[in-house]
C-alpha atoms as a PDB file:
ATOM      1  CA  MET A   1     -11.776  53.068 -23.606  1.00  0.00           C
ATOM      2  CA  ASN A   2     -12.430  49.339 -21.627  1.00  0.00           C
ATOM      3  CA  VAL A   3     -15.655  48.997 -22.031  1.00  0.00           C
ATOM      4  CA  GLU A   4     -18.018  47.835 -25.153  1.00  0.00           C
ATOM      5  CA  GLN A   5     -21.510  47.173 -25.725  1.00  0.00           C
ATOM      6  CA  ILE A   6     -22.385  44.052 -26.860  1.00  0.00           C
ATOM      7  CA  SER A   7     -25.470  41.870 -26.779  1.00  0.00           C
ATOM      8  CA  TYR A   8     -26.297  38.486 -24.416  1.00  0.00           C
ATOM      9  CA  GLU A   9     -26.348  36.342 -27.422  1.00  0.00           C
ATOM     10  CA  GLU A  10     -22.937  37.282 -28.357  1.00  0.00           C
ATOM     11  CA  ALA A  11     -21.874  37.097 -24.798  1.00  0.00           C
ATOM     12  CA  ARG A  12     -23.648  33.810 -23.846  1.00  0.00           C
ATOM     13  CA  PRO A  13     -21.214  31.330 -25.391  1.00  0.00           C
ATOM     14  CA  LYS A  14     -18.067  32.980 -24.329  1.00  0.00           C
ATOM     15  CA  MET A  15     -19.210  33.439 -20.405  1.00  0.00           C
ATOM     16  CA  GLN A  16     -17.499  30.893 -17.765  1.00  0.00           C
ATOM     17  CA  PRO A  17     -17.939  30.139 -13.926  1.00  0.00           C
ATOM     18  CA  GLY A  18     -16.466  32.716 -11.706  1.00  0.00           C
ATOM     19  CA  ASP A  19     -17.194  36.117 -14.634  1.00  0.00           C
ATOM     20  CA  VAL A  20     -19.459  38.519 -12.454  1.00  0.00           C
ATOM     21  CA  ILE A  21     -22.309  40.370 -12.988  1.00  0.00           C
ATOM     22  CA  ALA A  22     -22.627  43.854 -12.029  1.00  0.00           C
ATOM     23  CA  PHE A  23     -26.063  45.586 -12.006  1.00  0.00           C
ATOM     24  CA  GLY A  24     -26.979  49.288 -11.907  1.00  0.00           C
ATOM     25  CA  GLY A  25     -30.911  49.212 -10.433  1.00  0.00           C
ATOM     26  CA  LYS A  26     -33.315  51.930 -10.728  1.00  0.00           C
ATOM     27  CA  GLY A  27     -34.799  50.835  -7.139  1.00  0.00           C
ATOM     28  CA  HIS A  28     -34.852  52.858  -4.035  1.00  0.00           C
ATOM     29  CA  PHE A  29     -32.615  50.476  -2.556  1.00  0.00           C
ATOM     30  CA  SER A  30     -30.460  50.435  -5.428  1.00  0.00           C
ATOM     31  CA  GLU A  31     -29.960  53.992  -5.481  1.00  0.00           C
ATOM     32  CA  ILE A  32     -29.126  54.378  -1.817  1.00  0.00           C
ATOM     33  CA  ILE A  33     -26.288  51.966  -2.413  1.00  0.00           C
ATOM     34  CA  LYS A  34     -24.837  53.738  -5.547  1.00  0.00           C
ATOM     35  CA  PHE A  35     -25.300  57.308  -3.426  1.00  0.00           C
ATOM     36  CA  ALA A  36     -23.339  55.468  -0.565  1.00  0.00           C
ATOM     37  CA  THR A  37     -20.481  54.164  -2.747  1.00  0.00           C
ATOM     38  CA  PHE A  38     -20.284  57.010  -5.300  1.00  0.00           C
ATOM     39  CA  SER A  39     -20.722  54.661  -8.124  1.00  0.00           C
ATOM     40  CA  ASP A  40     -23.302  53.070 -10.859  1.00  0.00           C
ATOM     41  CA  VAL A  41     -22.946  49.846  -9.334  1.00  0.00           C
ATOM     42  CA  SER A  42     -25.879  48.513  -6.882  1.00  0.00           C
ATOM     43  CA  HIS A  43     -25.548  44.679  -6.989  1.00  0.00           C
ATOM     44  CA  VAL A  44     -23.663  41.935  -8.182  1.00  0.00           C
ATOM     45  CA  GLY A  45     -23.841  38.535  -8.885  1.00  0.00           C
ATOM     46  CA  VAL A  46     -21.353  35.546 -10.377  1.00  0.00           C
ATOM     47  CA  ILE A  47     -22.121  33.090 -13.117  1.00  0.00           C
ATOM     48  CA  LEU A  48     -22.109  29.536 -11.473  1.00  0.00           C
ATOM     49  CA  GLN A  49     -22.349  27.151 -13.903  1.00  0.00           C
ATOM     50  CA  THR A  50     -22.365  26.909 -17.795  1.00  0.00           C
ATOM     51  CA  LYS A  51     -23.604  25.206 -20.538  1.00  0.00           C
ATOM     52  CA  VAL A  52     -26.016  23.317 -18.414  1.00  0.00           C
ATOM     53  CA  VAL A  53     -28.241  21.176 -20.713  1.00  0.00           C
ATOM     54  CA  ASP A  54     -31.913  21.763 -21.435  1.00  0.00           C
ATOM     55  CA  ASP A  55     -34.610  19.147 -21.577  1.00  0.00           C
ATOM     56  CA  THR A  56     -34.003  19.218 -25.647  1.00  0.00           C
ATOM     57  CA  GLY A  57     -30.405  18.178 -25.275  1.00  0.00           C
ATOM     58  CA  ASP A  58     -29.199  20.722 -27.890  1.00  0.00           C
ATOM     59  CA  ARG A  59     -29.020  23.999 -26.421  1.00  0.00           C
ATOM     60  CA  PHE A  60     -27.435  25.308 -23.030  1.00  0.00           C
ATOM     61  CA  PHE A  61     -27.888  28.227 -20.653  1.00  0.00           C
ATOM     62  CA  ASN A  62     -25.939  29.933 -17.858  1.00  0.00           C
ATOM     63  CA  GLN A  63     -26.713  29.986 -14.310  1.00  0.00           C
ATOM     64  CA  ILE A  64     -26.149  33.250 -12.089  1.00  0.00           C
ATOM     65  CA  ILE A  65     -26.113  33.072  -8.543  1.00  0.00           C
ATOM     66  CA  GLU A  66     -27.017  36.028  -6.595  1.00  0.00           C
ATOM     67  CA  SER A  67     -28.045  37.074  -2.731  1.00  0.00           C
ATOM     68  CA  THR A  68     -31.418  39.241  -3.864  1.00  0.00           C
ATOM     69  CA  SER A  69     -35.122  39.295  -3.698  1.00  0.00           C
ATOM     70  CA  LEU A  70     -36.638  37.039  -6.428  1.00  0.00           C
ATOM     71  CA  HIS A  71     -39.799  34.887  -6.464  1.00  0.00           C
ATOM     72  CA  GLY A  72     -40.882  35.666  -3.027  1.00  0.00           C
ATOM     73  CA  PHE A  73     -37.506  34.898  -1.455  1.00  0.00           C
ATOM     74  CA  ASN A  74     -34.701  37.363  -0.304  1.00  0.00           C
ATOM     75  CA  GLY A  75     -31.514  35.524  -0.319  1.00  0.00           C
ATOM     76  CA  VAL A  76     -29.046  33.376  -2.192  1.00  0.00           C
ATOM     77  CA  GLN A  77     -30.577  31.775  -5.085  1.00  0.00           C
ATOM     78  CA  ILE A  78     -29.797  30.524  -8.764  1.00  0.00           C
ATOM     79  CA  SER A  79     -31.600  31.522 -11.826  1.00  0.00           C
ATOM     80  CA  ARG A  80     -31.274  31.401 -15.300  1.00  0.00           C
ATOM     81  CA  PHE A  81     -29.079  34.795 -16.365  1.00  0.00           C
ATOM     82  CA  SER A  82     -31.091  35.310 -19.687  1.00  0.00           C
ATOM     83  CA  ASP A  83     -34.023  35.038 -17.454  1.00  0.00           C
ATOM     84  CA  ARG A  84     -32.633  37.808 -15.438  1.00  0.00           C
ATOM     85  CA  ILE A  85     -31.329  39.754 -18.017  1.00  0.00           C
ATOM     86  CA  ALA A  86     -34.668  39.655 -19.719  1.00  0.00           C
ATOM     87  CA  THR A  87     -36.865  41.314 -16.776  1.00  0.00           C
ATOM     88  CA  TYR A  88     -34.175  43.402 -15.185  1.00  0.00           C
ATOM     89  CA  ASP A  89     -34.761  47.088 -15.470  1.00  0.00           C
ATOM     90  CA  GLY A  90     -31.329  48.843 -15.209  1.00  0.00           C
ATOM     91  CA  ASP A  91     -27.960  48.567 -16.333  1.00  0.00           C
ATOM     92  CA  LEU A  92     -25.987  45.350 -16.591  1.00  0.00           C
ATOM     93  CA  TRP A  93     -22.039  44.785 -16.999  1.00  0.00           C
ATOM     94  CA  TRP A  94     -20.078  41.412 -17.508  1.00  0.00           C
ATOM     95  CA  LEU A  95     -16.934  41.449 -16.270  1.00  0.00           C
ATOM     96  CA  ARG A  96     -14.764  38.227 -17.073  1.00  0.00           C
ATOM     97  CA  LEU A  97     -12.102  36.521 -14.733  1.00  0.00           C
ATOM     98  CA  ARG A  98      -8.556  37.087 -15.879  1.00  0.00           C
ATOM     99  CA  GLU A  99      -7.574  33.831 -17.800  1.00  0.00           C
ATOM    100  CA  LYS A 100      -4.125  33.709 -16.169  1.00  0.00           C
ATOM    101  CA  ILE A 101      -6.181  33.363 -12.621  1.00  0.00           C
ATOM    102  CA  ARG A 102      -8.733  30.940 -14.348  1.00  0.00           C
ATOM    103  CA  LYS A 103      -5.504  28.388 -15.550  1.00  0.00           C
ATOM    104  CA  GLU A 104      -3.387  28.848 -12.583  1.00  0.00           C
ATOM    105  CA  SER A 105      -5.196  28.815  -9.513  1.00  0.00           C
ATOM    106  CA  PHE A 106      -9.070  28.800  -9.881  1.00  0.00           C
ATOM    107  CA  GLU A 107     -10.646  25.585  -8.304  1.00  0.00           C
ATOM    108  CA  GLN A 108     -14.028  25.416  -9.927  1.00  0.00           C
ATOM    109  CA  LYS A 109     -15.460  22.495  -7.719  1.00  0.00           C
ATOM    110  CA  ALA A 110     -14.868  24.469  -4.594  1.00  0.00           C
ATOM    111  CA  PHE A 111     -16.369  27.397  -6.321  1.00  0.00           C
ATOM    112  CA  TYR A 112     -19.400  25.795  -7.334  1.00  0.00           C
ATOM    113  CA  ASP A 113     -19.632  23.180  -3.922  1.00  0.00           C
ATOM    114  CA  PHE A 114     -19.576  26.224  -1.498  1.00  0.00           C
ATOM    115  CA  LEU A 115     -22.286  28.543  -3.539  1.00  0.00           C
ATOM    116  CA  PHE A 116     -24.298  25.532  -4.447  1.00  0.00           C
ATOM    117  CA  LYS A 117     -24.712  24.480  -0.537  1.00  0.00           C
ATOM    118  CA  LEU A 118     -25.629  28.115   0.281  1.00  0.00           C
ATOM    119  CA  ALA A 119     -28.263  28.164  -2.460  1.00  0.00           C
ATOM    120  CA  ARG A 120     -29.330  24.781  -1.636  1.00  0.00           C
ATOM    121  CA  GLU A 121     -30.191  25.660   2.001  1.00  0.00           C
ATOM    122  CA  ARG A 122     -31.890  29.089   1.096  1.00  0.00           C
ATOM    123  CA  THR A 123     -29.422  31.039   2.981  1.00  0.00           C
ATOM    124  CA  PRO A 124     -30.815  34.428   3.667  1.00  0.00           C
ATOM    125  CA  TYR A 125     -30.153  38.118   2.642  1.00  0.00           C
ATOM    126  CA  ASP A 126     -28.210  40.057   5.137  1.00  0.00           C
ATOM    127  CA  MET A 127     -29.382  43.530   5.138  1.00  0.00           C
ATOM    128  CA  PRO A 128     -27.449  44.551   8.467  1.00  0.00           C
ATOM    129  CA  GLN A 129     -23.842  43.560   6.916  1.00  0.00           C
ATOM    130  CA  ALA A 130     -24.887  45.048   3.374  1.00  0.00           C
ATOM    131  CA  ILE A 131     -25.399  48.822   5.199  1.00  0.00           C
ATOM    132  CA  LYS A 132     -22.647  48.441   7.235  1.00  0.00           C
ATOM    133  CA  SER A 133     -20.321  47.473   4.040  1.00  0.00           C
ATOM    134  CA  ALA A 134     -21.208  50.712   2.700  1.00  0.00           C
ATOM    135  CA  LEU A 135     -20.296  52.889   5.570  1.00  0.00           C
ATOM    136  CA  ASP A 136     -16.403  52.935   5.360  1.00  0.00           C
ATOM    137  CA  ALA A 137     -15.930  56.292   6.237  1.00  0.00           C
ATOM    138  CA  LEU A 138     -15.427  55.436   9.883  1.00  0.00           C
ATOM    139  CA  ASP A 139     -14.149  51.771   9.795  1.00  0.00           C
ATOM    140  CA  HIS A 140     -10.534  52.409  10.327  1.00  0.00           C
ATOM    141  CA  LEU A 141      -9.404  54.142  13.522  1.00  0.00           C
ATOM    142  CA  PRO A 142      -6.092  54.525  15.114  1.00  0.00           C
ATOM    143  CA  PHE A 143      -4.322  51.726  16.940  1.00  0.00           C
ATOM    144  CA  GLY A 144      -6.080  49.156  14.812  1.00  0.00           C
ATOM    145  CA  LEU A 145      -9.730  49.807  16.015  1.00  0.00           C
ATOM    146  CA  HIS A 146     -12.576  49.951  13.738  1.00  0.00           C
ATOM    147  CA  GLY A 147     -15.394  51.997  14.095  1.00  0.00           C
ATOM    148  CA  PRO A 148     -19.256  51.306  13.731  1.00  0.00           C
ATOM    149  CA  GLY A 149     -19.195  50.897   9.879  1.00  0.00           C
ATOM    150  CA  TYR A 150     -16.922  48.138  10.362  1.00  0.00           C
ATOM    151  CA  ALA A 151     -18.565  44.629   9.215  1.00  0.00           C
ATOM    152  CA  ARG A 152     -16.905  41.690  10.925  1.00  0.00           C
ATOM    153  CA  GLU A 153     -17.111  38.512   8.460  1.00  0.00           C
ATOM    154  CA  ASP A 154     -19.978  36.627   9.202  1.00  0.00           C
ATOM    155  CA  PHE A 155     -21.490  33.681   6.892  1.00  0.00           C
ATOM    156  CA  SER A 156     -24.654  33.132   8.465  1.00  0.00           C
ATOM    157  CA  LYS A 157     -26.243  35.411   6.017  1.00  0.00           C
ATOM    158  CA  PHE A 158     -25.048  37.486   2.553  1.00  0.00           C
ATOM    159  CA  PHE A 159     -25.597  40.234   0.793  1.00  0.00           C
ATOM    160  CA  CYS A 160     -24.733  40.197  -2.799  1.00  0.00           C
ATOM    161  CA  SER A 161     -21.041  41.117  -3.118  1.00  0.00           C
ATOM    162  CA  GLU A 162     -20.186  39.502   0.248  1.00  0.00           C
ATOM    163  CA  LEU A 163     -21.244  36.086  -1.566  1.00  0.00           C
ATOM    164  CA  VAL A 164     -19.310  36.519  -4.572  1.00  0.00           C
ATOM    165  CA  ALA A 165     -16.421  37.867  -2.754  1.00  0.00           C
ATOM    166  CA  ALA A 166     -16.670  34.491  -0.268  1.00  0.00           C
ATOM    167  CA  GLY A 167     -16.980  32.586  -3.459  1.00  0.00           C
ATOM    168  CA  LEU A 168     -13.935  33.864  -5.483  1.00  0.00           C
ATOM    169  CA  GLU A 169     -12.212  33.378  -1.962  1.00  0.00           C
ATOM    170  CA  MET A 170     -13.089  29.757  -1.886  1.00  0.00           C
ATOM    171  CA  ALA A 171     -12.292  28.943  -5.737  1.00  0.00           C
ATOM    172  CA  LYS A 172      -8.496  30.622  -4.594  1.00  0.00           C
ATOM    173  CA  ALA A 173      -9.352  33.206  -7.306  1.00  0.00           C
ATOM    174  CA  VAL A 174      -8.094  35.706  -4.751  1.00  0.00           C
ATOM    175  CA  GLY A 175      -6.161  35.311  -1.650  1.00  0.00           C
ATOM    176  CA  THR A 176      -7.952  36.142   2.028  1.00  0.00           C
ATOM    177  CA  VAL A 177     -10.250  38.530   2.227  1.00  0.00           C
ATOM    178  CA  ASN A 178     -12.811  40.178   4.575  1.00  0.00           C
ATOM    179  CA  ALA A 179     -15.615  39.338   2.457  1.00  0.00           C
ATOM    180  CA  SER A 180     -18.418  41.221   4.864  1.00  0.00           C
ATOM    181  CA  GLU A 181     -16.493  44.666   3.961  1.00  0.00           C
ATOM    182  CA  VAL A 182     -16.720  44.019  -0.020  1.00  0.00           C
ATOM    183  CA  THR A 183     -19.322  46.500  -1.427  1.00  0.00           C
ATOM    184  CA  PRO A 184     -20.119  46.023  -5.067  1.00  0.00           C
ATOM    185  CA  ILE A 185     -18.179  48.560  -6.587  1.00  0.00           C
ATOM    186  CA  ASP A 186     -15.171  47.295  -4.747  1.00  0.00           C
ATOM    187  CA  LEU A 187     -15.465  43.576  -5.967  1.00  0.00           C
ATOM    188  CA  CYS A 188     -15.736  45.513  -9.855  1.00  0.00           C
ATOM    189  CA  ARG A 189     -12.541  47.358  -8.797  1.00  0.00           C
ATOM    190  CA  TRP A 190     -10.334  44.081  -7.824  1.00  0.00           C
ATOM    191  CA  ASN A 191      -7.424  43.695 -10.526  1.00  0.00           C
ATOM    192  CA  ILE A 192      -9.029  40.411 -11.237  1.00  0.00           C
ATOM    193  CA  TYR A 193     -10.504  40.342 -14.494  1.00  0.00           C
ATOM    194  CA  GLU A 194      -9.689  40.821 -18.188  1.00  0.00           C
ATOM    195  CA  GLU A 195      -8.527  44.503 -19.563  1.00  0.00           C
ATOM    196  CA  LYS A 196     -12.250  44.985 -21.141  1.00  0.00           C
ATOM    197  CA  TYR A 197     -15.445  44.430 -19.602  1.00  0.00           C
ATOM    198  CA  TYR A 198     -18.792  44.521 -21.452  1.00  0.00           C
ATOM    199  CA  GLN A 199     -22.202  46.160 -21.106  1.00  0.00           C
ATOM    200  CA  LEU A 200     -25.478  44.304 -21.933  1.00  0.00           C
ATOM    201  CA  LYS A 201     -28.013  46.337 -21.109  1.00  0.00           C
ATOM    202  CA  GLY A 202     -28.640  49.947 -19.930  1.00  0.00           C
ATOM    203  CA  ASP A 203     -27.482  53.239 -20.509  1.00  0.00           C
ATOM    204  CA  LYS A 204     -24.324  53.358 -22.350  1.00  0.00           C
ATOM    205  CA  SER A 205     -22.882  56.255 -20.668  1.00  0.00           C
ATOM    206  CA  LYS A 206     -22.758  54.969 -17.294  1.00  0.00           C
ATOM    207  CA  ARG A 207     -19.572  53.316 -16.546  1.00  0.00           C
ATOM    208  CA  ILE A 208     -17.791  51.049 -13.889  1.00  0.00           C
ATOM    209  CA  SER A 209     -15.508  53.761 -12.136  1.00  0.00           C
ATOM    210  CA  ARG A 210     -12.006  52.798 -11.507  1.00  0.00           C
ATOM    211  CA  PHE A 211     -12.585  49.188 -12.926  1.00  0.00           C
ATOM    212  CA  ASN A 212      -9.767  46.438 -12.424  1.00  0.00           C
ATOM    213  CA  THR A 213      -7.643  48.871 -10.433  1.00  0.00           C
ATOM    214  CA  LEU A 214      -7.330  47.705  -6.891  1.00  0.00           C
ATOM    215  CA  SER A 215      -5.645  44.751  -5.092  1.00  0.00           C
ATOM    216  CA  PRO A 216      -8.124  42.416  -3.144  1.00  0.00           C
ATOM    217  CA  SER A 217      -5.569  42.049  -0.412  1.00  0.00           C
ATOM    218  CA  ASP A 218      -6.424  45.606   0.312  1.00  0.00           C
ATOM    219  CA  TRP A 219      -9.790  43.771   1.805  1.00  0.00           C
ATOM    220  CA  ASN A 220      -7.608  41.291   4.077  1.00  0.00           C
ATOM    221  CA  VAL A 221      -8.591  43.360   7.163  1.00  0.00           C
END
């Protein structure tokens, strides 16, 4: 079994920028996403920065960046991951970016600069693109055409997995992808993670199906 249940206190000092956090929500929209994508994952975010010193100077916290609805704003925003996990009602998993990728290709400054700029500009959530990304059944038609569910890449707004996929592409953790076609479960299935993933909260029977099995290059269309 490649999933292990651990506490956030155990995970906290080991988290690094580029690690993906997968969510399985219980709300109405979360259930629609899970139903449309045949999975237990409805949302993703990514660890942006770690070991950010607080006012006391002797502790650190991890930051997560997401495109989601929090604190009266619906779009790209940064928060303490400890606050998110404390208040989130649902399943939470931690997917560690593969160490080989981190050492050989991951450009942390490019990753941070790209994502922080989107948060600073309060880039809004992209609901139409989120819906299109989940409607994959009619995407690929004969002669290189695309169906009505195909989402053309557009970075004026972001939904959750589009944001994370674009950040990983900018960091060169993956090659060129159409981030606007990446669903939350798609991102979890990319073969860019360590072999084991960790459940931090929720129903222990839930799993990320086909975790770490697909090439991101399949989304280069």
